[in-house]
């Protein structure tokens, strides 16, 4: 939070300087500075001005080019335009340049939105199930909620989804209550209490689990169980949360004399993964996105595996208070869908499971139902499989540099204008 506040303080100083410069920077300076600050701000939990804009589909299409920072810049530009128009009523100059720029951006976004929605209407669909067990952080005091009890309900929910035609089922982060052996090649026997796949064998299952192997390394993983009972190549979470999943938490707890094992039982120290993000799940090519990876652009790309058919989110937001944090994370997820132009199917352990289409629309979402007494819920959805090529990988890396170049160009024009007046 302090890092974010420092960044916004720098933005305020730079924006004030822009307002004292030439006409170009007075109109476009504050949005451009905001885009640079938001893109390069190293805060652990990024906060963006454009984050609440997911309710405006036309506006968030800009994220395909510059991510959520581009949406923040456009939102700030609209505010600056409104201010300038109010000043026009008092005799100020009409901000023609800013007005034309924003009109062009929003017009192009509207056309892109229509094109993506048309492509979705004509695309193939795949039926995917999401499991929301509504089990948050497991503490030692909750010993009565045994691992077998948790797994039994999730397995029965998976069987119901498979019976209703699900081709794939997504379990949330940490749904597997024990450490999973990464060296295991196939599912457990049908009568075993840890069996994952339904008896019908009609659907594949993507399981969120903490895995370890004979090499002693431990990962936060998304493990694909194929229809034939084999376990495919898992994805290991790359972007670890710098407080909970790294040694920083241990150092913080050491100051209080409390150990990690005394506080929690399902947050062991893990390592960042590597390799391709895209894995095979049944007939689908899936890109897993685990927990806080949803709040950052997927800048690692797809490597040599090519683009996925869908994004699959596996998360547990109970660490941050449930409903409110889930809404914020779901807003971030909408930008990941727009950036990749892929449907984003999300399974959460306790709140907000649902799916988002390639234009950033939240199509369906589960909430906590207090009348169910903490029992889990499931969601079944026919999700479009898109093949749209996104421009995000090409433009996102250069977007902040482009904004910086425009700021420098505006500054040079302002200096030349001032020198010309002096002469």
Protein backbone atom coordinates (compact mmCIF):
# COMPACT_ATOMS: atom_id res chain seq x y z
CA UNK A 1 0.00 0.00 0.00
CA UNK A 2 2.85 2.38 0.82
CA UNK A 3 4.50 1.67 -2.53
CA UNK A 4 1.23 2.36 -4.33
CA UNK A 5 0.73 5.59 -2.37
CA UNK A 6 4.27 6.70 -3.26
CA UNK A 7 3.56 6.02 -6.94
CA UNK A 8 0.35 8.05 -6.84
CA UNK A 9 2.24 10.84 -5.09
CA UNK A 10 4.75 10.90 -7.94
CA UNK A 11 1.85 10.95 -10.38
CA UNK A 12 0.32 13.97 -8.60
CA UNK A 13 3.61 15.88 -8.75
CA UNK A 14 4.19 15.03 -12.42
CA UNK A 15 0.57 15.77 -13.36
CA UNK A 16 0.81 19.18 -11.69
CA UNK A 17 3.93 19.87 -13.72
CA UNK A 18 2.08 18.88 -16.93
CA UNK A 19 -0.69 21.37 -16.16
CA UNK A 20 1.93 24.14 -16.10
CA UNK A 21 3.43 23.12 -19.47
CA UNK A 22 2.32 23.52 -23.07
CA UNK A 23 -1.17 22.79 -24.43
CA UNK A 24 -0.38 19.16 -25.34
CA UNK A 25 0.73 18.22 -21.83
CA UNK A 26 -2.06 20.20 -20.20
CA UNK A 27 -4.58 18.04 -22.01
CA UNK A 28 -2.90 14.63 -22.27
CA UNK A 29 -0.15 14.78 -19.61
CA UNK A 30 -2.02 13.46 -16.53
CA UNK A 31 -3.41 10.33 -18.31
CA UNK A 32 -0.02 9.50 -19.85
CA UNK A 33 1.80 9.90 -16.53
CA UNK A 34 -0.80 7.69 -14.82
CA UNK A 35 -0.28 4.94 -17.41
CA UNK A 36 3.49 4.95 -16.81
CA UNK A 37 3.15 4.97 -13.00
CA UNK A 38 0.60 2.15 -12.90
CA UNK A 39 2.55 -0.05 -15.30
CA UNK A 40 5.84 0.20 -13.44
CA UNK A 41 4.54 0.36 -9.87
CA UNK A 42 6.02 -2.67 -8.03
CA UNK A 43 3.25 -2.91 -5.38
CA UNK A 44 2.46 -6.47 -4.25
CA UNK A 45 -1.29 -5.83 -4.56
CA UNK A 46 -1.73 -3.47 -7.54
CA UNK A 47 -4.50 -0.88 -7.36
CA UNK A 48 -5.63 0.71 -10.60
CA UNK A 49 -7.88 3.67 -11.36
CA UNK A 50 -9.38 1.63 -14.21
CA UNK A 51 -10.25 -1.39 -12.08
CA UNK A 52 -13.91 -0.35 -11.45
CA UNK A 53 -14.42 0.18 -15.21
CA UNK A 54 -15.31 -3.47 -15.88
CA UNK A 55 -18.96 -2.40 -15.89
CA UNK A 56 -18.23 -0.41 -19.08
CA UNK A 57 -17.44 -3.03 -21.76
CA UNK A 58 -16.47 -0.52 -24.44
CA UNK A 59 -13.92 1.15 -22.21
CA UNK A 60 -12.08 -1.99 -21.05
CA UNK A 61 -11.36 -3.19 -24.61
CA UNK A 62 -8.36 -0.83 -24.50
CA UNK A 63 -6.73 -3.37 -22.16
CA UNK A 64 -5.88 -5.50 -25.18
CA UNK A 65 -3.20 -2.94 -26.07
CA UNK A 66 -1.90 -1.71 -22.72
CA UNK A 67 -3.53 -3.69 -19.96
CA UNK A 68 -5.49 -2.15 -17.11
CA UNK A 69 -3.06 0.83 -17.09
CA UNK A 70 -4.35 1.81 -20.53
CA UNK A 71 -7.92 1.72 -19.23
CA UNK A 72 -6.86 3.87 -16.27
CA UNK A 73 -5.31 6.38 -18.69
CA UNK A 74 -8.51 6.60 -20.76
CA UNK A 75 -10.62 6.97 -17.61
CA UNK A 76 -8.33 9.76 -16.42
CA UNK A 77 -8.51 11.34 -19.88
CA UNK A 78 -12.32 11.39 -19.68
CA UNK A 79 -12.09 13.15 -16.31
CA UNK A 80 -9.64 15.69 -17.73
CA UNK A 81 -11.95 16.24 -20.69
CA UNK A 82 -14.88 16.91 -18.38
CA UNK A 83 -12.79 19.41 -16.41
CA UNK A 84 -11.74 21.21 -19.60
CA UNK A 85 -15.32 21.36 -20.86
CA UNK A 86 -16.40 22.93 -17.58
CA UNK A 87 -13.60 25.46 -17.96
CA UNK A 88 -14.90 26.24 -21.46
CA UNK A 89 -18.06 27.56 -19.86
CA UNK A 90 -15.84 30.13 -18.13
CA UNK A 91 -14.14 31.20 -21.34
CA UNK A 92 -11.42 28.54 -21.58
CA UNK A 93 -10.21 26.99 -24.83
CA UNK A 94 -11.97 23.94 -26.24
CA UNK A 95 -9.78 20.80 -25.75
CA UNK A 96 -10.12 19.72 -29.38
CA UNK A 97 -7.07 17.45 -29.37
CA UNK A 98 -8.10 15.53 -26.26
CA UNK A 99 -11.70 15.29 -27.47
CA UNK A 100 -10.66 13.84 -30.84
CA UNK A 101 -8.19 11.40 -29.27
CA UNK A 102 -10.73 10.00 -26.80
CA UNK A 103 -13.43 9.81 -29.46
CA UNK A 104 -11.10 7.83 -31.70
CA UNK A 105 -10.06 5.46 -28.90
CA UNK A 106 -13.61 4.75 -27.74
CA UNK A 107 -14.85 4.38 -31.32
CA UNK A 108 -12.16 1.80 -32.10
CA UNK A 109 -12.92 0.01 -28.81
CA UNK A 110 -16.60 -0.19 -29.70
CA UNK A 111 -15.80 -1.73 -33.08
CA UNK A 112 -13.44 -4.24 -31.49
CA UNK A 113 -16.08 -5.17 -28.90
CA UNK A 114 -18.66 -5.83 -31.63
CA UNK A 115 -16.16 -7.95 -33.56
CA UNK A 116 -15.24 -10.08 -30.52
CA UNK A 117 -18.89 -10.65 -29.55
CA UNK A 118 -19.72 -11.66 -33.12
CA UNK A 119 -16.83 -14.14 -33.07
CA UNK A 120 -18.07 -15.57 -29.76
CA UNK A 121 -21.58 -16.06 -31.11
CA UNK A 122 -20.22 -18.21 -33.93
CA UNK A 123 -17.60 -20.15 -31.97
CA UNK A 124 -17.69 -23.74 -30.73
CA UNK A 125 -18.75 -24.32 -27.14
CA UNK A 126 -17.41 -26.61 -24.44
CA UNK A 127 -19.32 -27.53 -21.27
CA UNK A 128 -17.20 -26.91 -18.18
CA UNK A 129 -18.05 -27.39 -14.52
CA UNK A 130 -16.72 -25.32 -11.62
CA UNK A 131 -16.63 -26.54 -8.02
CA UNK A 132 -16.89 -24.09 -5.13
CA UNK A 133 -16.57 -26.06 -1.86
CA UNK A 134 -16.89 -22.93 0.32
CA UNK A 135 -14.03 -23.99 2.53
CA UNK A 136 -11.61 -21.21 3.38
CA UNK A 137 -8.39 -21.22 5.37
CA UNK A 138 -8.03 -24.50 7.27
CA UNK A 139 -6.58 -24.01 10.75
CA UNK A 140 -5.52 -26.55 13.32
CA UNK A 141 -8.64 -25.74 15.36
CA UNK A 142 -10.77 -27.08 12.47
CA UNK A 143 -9.48 -30.63 12.79
CA UNK A 144 -13.02 -32.01 12.66
CA UNK A 145 -13.19 -30.98 9.01
CA UNK A 146 -11.08 -33.89 7.88
CA UNK A 147 -9.37 -34.18 4.54
CA UNK A 148 -11.59 -37.12 3.61
CA UNK A 149 -14.74 -35.09 4.27
CA UNK A 150 -13.56 -32.25 2.03
CA UNK A 151 -12.58 -34.57 -0.79
CA UNK A 152 -15.78 -36.63 -0.58
CA UNK A 153 -18.02 -33.63 -1.24
CA UNK A 154 -15.86 -32.33 -4.11
CA UNK A 155 -15.79 -35.77 -5.73
CA UNK A 156 -19.58 -36.10 -5.52
CA UNK A 157 -19.98 -32.62 -6.99
CA UNK A 158 -17.70 -33.64 -9.85
CA UNK A 159 -19.82 -36.72 -10.49
CA UNK A 160 -22.97 -34.55 -10.71
CA UNK A 161 -21.30 -32.18 -13.16
CA UNK A 162 -20.08 -35.10 -15.30
CA UNK A 163 -23.59 -36.59 -15.32
CA UNK A 164 -24.85 -33.27 -16.72
CA UNK A 165 -22.44 -33.32 -19.64
CA UNK A 166 -19.35 -31.52 -18.35
CA UNK A 167 -16.31 -32.25 -20.51
CA UNK A 168 -13.96 -30.79 -17.91
CA UNK A 169 -14.29 -29.83 -14.24
CA UNK A 170 -12.15 -27.24 -12.44
CA UNK A 171 -11.29 -27.64 -8.75
CA UNK A 172 -10.04 -24.52 -6.93
CA UNK A 173 -6.62 -23.81 -5.50
CA UNK A 174 -5.79 -26.09 -2.58
CA UNK A 175 -8.85 -28.30 -3.20
CA UNK A 176 -6.66 -31.38 -2.75
CA UNK A 177 -6.28 -31.38 1.05
CA UNK A 178 -2.94 -33.19 1.20
CA UNK A 179 0.41 -32.90 -0.51
CA UNK A 180 0.10 -34.62 -3.89
CA UNK A 181 2.93 -36.84 -5.07
CA UNK A 182 4.22 -35.27 -8.28
CA UNK A 183 5.76 -38.60 -9.35
CA UNK A 184 2.36 -40.30 -9.47
CA UNK A 185 1.35 -41.18 -13.06
CA UNK A 186 -2.34 -42.12 -12.70
CA UNK A 187 -5.44 -41.60 -10.59
CA UNK A 188 -6.24 -43.71 -7.54
CA UNK A 189 -8.37 -46.89 -7.93
CA UNK A 190 -12.13 -46.40 -8.18
CA UNK A 191 -12.84 -47.49 -4.60
CA UNK A 192 -10.05 -45.40 -3.08
CA UNK A 193 -11.13 -42.41 -0.91
CA UNK A 194 -8.71 -40.11 -2.78
CA UNK A 195 -10.10 -40.95 -6.21
CA UNK A 196 -10.46 -37.79 -8.36
CA UNK A 197 -12.14 -38.82 -11.62
CA UNK A 198 -15.83 -39.80 -11.67
CA UNK A 199 -16.65 -43.48 -12.31
CA UNK A 200 -18.18 -42.65 -15.69
CA UNK A 201 -14.81 -41.50 -17.03
CA UNK A 202 -16.56 -38.90 -19.20
CA UNK A 203 -14.73 -35.78 -18.05
CA UNK A 204 -11.24 -34.56 -17.23
CA UNK A 205 -10.52 -32.75 -13.96
CA UNK A 206 -8.08 -29.92 -13.23
CA UNK A 207 -7.09 -30.09 -9.55
CA UNK A 208 -5.52 -27.32 -7.48
CA UNK A 209 -2.96 -28.98 -5.23
CA UNK A 210 0.32 -28.50 -3.42
CA UNK A 211 2.72 -31.00 -4.97
CA UNK A 212 6.08 -32.42 -4.04
CA UNK A 213 8.28 -35.08 -5.56
CA UNK A 214 11.38 -37.13 -5.11
CA UNK A 215 13.51 -34.06 -5.87
CA UNK A 216 12.25 -32.41 -2.67
CA UNK A 217 10.82 -29.39 -4.48
CA UNK A 218 7.33 -28.18 -3.63
CA UNK A 219 4.97 -26.25 -5.92
CA UNK A 220 1.50 -24.71 -5.94
CA UNK A 221 0.17 -26.63 -8.94
CA UNK A 222 -2.73 -27.19 -11.30
CA UNK A 223 -2.72 -30.94 -11.99
CA UNK A 224 -4.70 -32.33 -14.98
CA UNK A 225 -6.38 -35.72 -14.53
CA UNK A 226 -7.26 -37.03 -17.98
CA UNK A 227 -10.35 -39.06 -18.85
CA UNK A 228 -8.31 -42.26 -19.22
CA UNK A 229 -7.08 -41.98 -15.63
CA UNK A 230 -3.61 -40.72 -16.47
CA UNK A 231 -2.17 -37.60 -14.82
CA UNK A 232 -0.89 -35.12 -17.38
CA UNK A 233 1.90 -32.56 -17.15
CA UNK A 234 0.97 -30.07 -14.38
CA UNK A 235 1.39 -26.33 -14.36
CA UNK A 236 3.34 -24.92 -11.41
CA UNK A 237 2.50 -21.42 -10.25
CA UNK A 238 5.11 -18.90 -11.36
CA UNK A 239 4.16 -15.61 -9.73
CA UNK A 240 4.27 -16.44 -6.03
CA UNK A 241 2.60 -14.13 -3.53
CA UNK A 242 5.54 -12.40 -1.91
CA UNK A 243 4.14 -12.59 1.62
CA UNK A 244 2.41 -15.94 1.94
CA UNK A 245 4.30 -18.25 -0.41
CA UNK A 246 7.88 -17.09 0.12
CA UNK A 247 10.13 -16.84 3.15
CA UNK A 248 8.94 -13.30 3.94
CA UNK A 249 6.03 -14.64 6.03
CA UNK A 250 8.38 -16.77 8.11
CA UNK A 251 10.57 -13.76 8.83
CA UNK A 252 7.53 -11.69 9.81
CA UNK A 253 6.18 -14.42 12.11
CA UNK A 254 9.61 -14.84 13.71
CA UNK A 255 9.28 -11.32 15.13
CA UNK A 256 6.16 -12.42 17.04
CA UNK A 257 7.47 -15.82 18.12
CA UNK A 258 4.74 -17.65 16.15
CA UNK A 259 5.67 -20.36 13.66
CA UNK A 260 3.94 -21.08 10.39
CA UNK A 261 2.85 -24.56 11.53
CA UNK A 262 1.18 -23.14 14.65
CA UNK A 263 -0.83 -20.66 12.60
CA UNK A 264 -1.83 -22.60 9.50
CA UNK A 265 -1.60 -26.10 8.14
CA UNK A 266 -2.08 -25.57 4.38
CA UNK A 267 0.44 -22.86 3.54
CA UNK A 268 3.83 -24.58 3.18
CA UNK A 269 6.80 -22.87 1.57
CA UNK A 270 6.72 -23.39 -2.20
CA UNK A 271 8.98 -22.55 -5.13
CA UNK A 272 8.10 -20.70 -8.35
CA UNK A 273 7.49 -22.96 -11.32
CA UNK A 274 8.73 -22.71 -14.89
CA UNK A 275 7.95 -24.18 -18.29
CA UNK A 276 4.95 -23.68 -20.55
CA UNK A 277 1.77 -22.26 -19.08
CA UNK A 278 -0.49 -24.15 -21.51
CA UNK A 279 -1.31 -27.75 -20.54
CA UNK A 280 -3.61 -30.41 -21.98
CA UNK A 281 -6.90 -31.15 -20.20
CA UNK A 282 -8.88 -33.71 -22.15
CA UNK A 283 -9.34 -32.24 -25.62
CA UNK A 284 -8.77 -28.70 -24.36
CA UNK A 285 -5.60 -26.63 -24.27
CA UNK A 286 -5.84 -24.82 -20.94
CA UNK A 287 -3.75 -22.02 -19.42
CA UNK A 288 -4.06 -22.27 -15.60
CA UNK A 289 -3.91 -19.02 -13.62
CA UNK A 290 -3.46 -19.67 -9.89
CA UNK A 291 -4.72 -17.17 -7.28
CA UNK A 292 -2.76 -13.87 -7.34
CA UNK A 293 -1.57 -14.54 -10.90
CA UNK A 294 -5.00 -13.16 -11.85
CA UNK A 295 -4.02 -9.67 -10.69
CA UNK A 296 -1.00 -9.37 -13.00
CA UNK A 297 -0.82 -9.43 -16.82
CA UNK A 298 0.11 -12.82 -18.23
CA UNK A 299 3.29 -11.31 -19.65
CA UNK A 300 5.10 -14.65 -19.73
CA UNK A 301 3.16 -15.53 -22.88
CA UNK A 302 2.44 -19.02 -24.10
CA UNK A 303 6.03 -19.98 -25.05
CA UNK A 304 6.23 -22.64 -27.72
CA UNK A 305 2.95 -24.29 -26.83
CA UNK A 306 0.85 -21.73 -28.68
CA UNK A 307 -2.28 -19.97 -27.36
CA UNK A 308 -4.79 -21.87 -25.18
CA UNK A 309 -8.45 -22.58 -25.80
CA UNK A 310 -9.46 -21.14 -22.42
CA UNK A 311 -7.96 -19.68 -19.24
CA UNK A 312 -8.66 -21.61 -16.02
CA UNK A 313 -8.48 -19.72 -12.74
CA UNK A 314 -7.89 -21.63 -9.48
CA UNK A 315 -8.02 -19.43 -6.41
CA UNK A 316 -8.71 -19.12 -2.71
CA UNK A 317 -9.43 -15.56 -1.58
CA UNK A 318 -10.33 -16.39 2.01
CA UNK A 319 -6.88 -15.13 3.04
CA UNK A 320 -8.06 -11.59 2.22
CA UNK A 321 -11.54 -11.55 3.68
CA UNK A 322 -13.80 -13.32 1.19
CA UNK A 323 -16.44 -11.38 -0.73
CA UNK A 324 -14.82 -7.95 -1.14
CA UNK A 325 -11.42 -9.28 -2.14
CA UNK A 326 -13.11 -11.76 -4.49
CA UNK A 327 -14.89 -8.95 -6.32
CA UNK A 328 -11.62 -7.09 -6.75
CA UNK A 329 -9.84 -10.20 -8.00
CA UNK A 330 -12.73 -10.93 -10.39
CA UNK A 331 -12.31 -7.41 -11.82
CA UNK A 332 -8.63 -8.16 -12.45
CA UNK A 333 -9.62 -11.44 -14.10
CA UNK A 334 -11.83 -9.57 -16.59
CA UNK A 335 -8.75 -7.73 -17.84
CA UNK A 336 -6.86 -11.01 -18.25
CA UNK A 337 -9.73 -12.26 -20.45
CA UNK A 338 -9.60 -9.13 -22.61
CA UNK A 339 -5.80 -9.19 -22.88
CA UNK A 340 -5.76 -12.82 -24.06
CA UNK A 341 -9.15 -12.77 -25.87
CA UNK A 342 -10.01 -16.07 -24.24
CA UNK A 343 -12.87 -17.13 -21.98
CA UNK A 344 -11.74 -17.23 -18.35
CA UNK A 345 -13.28 -20.03 -16.25
CA UNK A 346 -12.71 -19.45 -12.52
CA UNK A 347 -13.09 -21.89 -9.61
CA UNK A 348 -12.71 -20.39 -6.13
CA UNK A 349 -12.66 -22.24 -2.83
CA UNK A 350 -15.18 -19.96 -1.15
CA UNK A 351 -16.55 -17.10 -3.29
CA UNK A 352 -16.85 -15.84 -6.85
CA UNK A 353 -16.58 -18.93 -9.04
CA UNK A 354 -17.87 -18.23 -12.55
CA UNK A 355 -16.70 -17.39 -16.03
CA UNK A 356 -15.84 -14.33 -18.09
CA UNK A 357 -16.01 -14.19 -21.87
CA UNK A 358 -13.33 -12.86 -24.21
CA UNK A 359 -14.77 -9.34 -24.16
CA UNK A 360 -14.57 -9.03 -20.36
CA UNK A 361 -18.25 -9.70 -19.57
CA UNK A 362 -18.94 -11.59 -16.33
CA UNK A 363 -21.41 -14.12 -17.69
CA UNK A 364 -22.14 -16.08 -14.52
CA UNK A 365 -20.86 -16.04 -10.95
CA UNK A 366 -21.56 -17.88 -7.71
CA UNK A 367 -21.90 -16.10 -4.38
CA UNK A 368 -21.88 -17.39 -0.84
CA UNK A 369 -25.36 -18.66 0.02
CA UNK A 370 -25.73 -18.41 3.81
CA UNK A 371 -28.90 -20.51 3.69
CA UNK A 372 -26.79 -23.50 2.61
CA UNK A 373 -24.95 -23.57 5.93
CA UNK A 374 -21.50 -23.44 4.37
CA UNK A 375 -22.14 -26.30 1.93
CA UNK A 376 -20.52 -25.97 -1.45
CA UNK A 377 -21.98 -25.05 -4.82
CA UNK A 378 -21.33 -25.98 -8.43
CA UNK A 379 -21.72 -24.14 -11.72
CA UNK A 380 -22.04 -25.59 -15.22
CA UNK A 381 -21.46 -23.36 -18.25
CA UNK A 382 -21.18 -23.66 -22.04
CA UNK A 383 -18.02 -21.66 -22.67
CA UNK A 384 -16.95 -20.38 -26.12
CA UNK A 385 -13.63 -21.62 -27.48
CA UNK A 386 -12.15 -18.56 -29.17
CA UNK A 387 -9.35 -18.44 -31.75
CA UNK A 388 -8.99 -14.63 -31.87
CA UNK A 389 -5.43 -13.34 -32.10
CA UNK A 390 -4.78 -10.78 -29.37
CA UNK A 391 -2.55 -7.74 -29.90
CA UNK A 392 -1.59 -7.61 -26.22
CA UNK A 393 1.72 -9.46 -26.52
CA UNK A 394 2.89 -7.05 -29.23
CA UNK A 395 1.73 -3.72 -27.80
CA UNK A 396 1.77 -4.17 -24.00
CA UNK A 397 5.59 -4.20 -23.62
CA UNK A 398 5.97 -0.94 -25.58
CA UNK A 399 2.88 0.84 -24.22
CA UNK A 400 4.53 2.57 -21.21
CA UNK A 401 7.52 3.54 -23.35
CA UNK A 402 5.18 5.06 -25.93
CA UNK A 403 3.48 7.09 -23.19
CA UNK A 404 6.89 8.21 -21.94
CA UNK A 405 7.94 9.28 -25.45
CA UNK A 406 4.74 11.30 -25.85
CA UNK A 407 5.43 13.02 -22.53
CA UNK A 408 8.97 13.90 -23.60
CA UNK A 409 7.72 15.13 -26.99
CA UNK A 410 5.14 17.32 -25.26
CA UNK A 411 7.80 18.68 -22.96
CA UNK A 412 10.09 19.57 -25.89
CA UNK A 413 7.24 21.30 -27.70
CA UNK A 414 6.46 23.28 -24.56
CA UNK A 415 10.12 24.38 -24.24
CA UNK A 416 10.27 25.41 -27.90
CA UNK A 417 7.02 27.34 -27.54
CA UNK A 418 8.32 29.14 -24.46
CA UNK A 419 11.60 30.00 -26.21
CA UNK A 420 9.70 31.29 -29.22
CA UNK A 421 7.68 33.61 -26.98
CA UNK A 422 10.86 34.93 -25.36
CA UNK A 423 12.37 35.71 -28.77
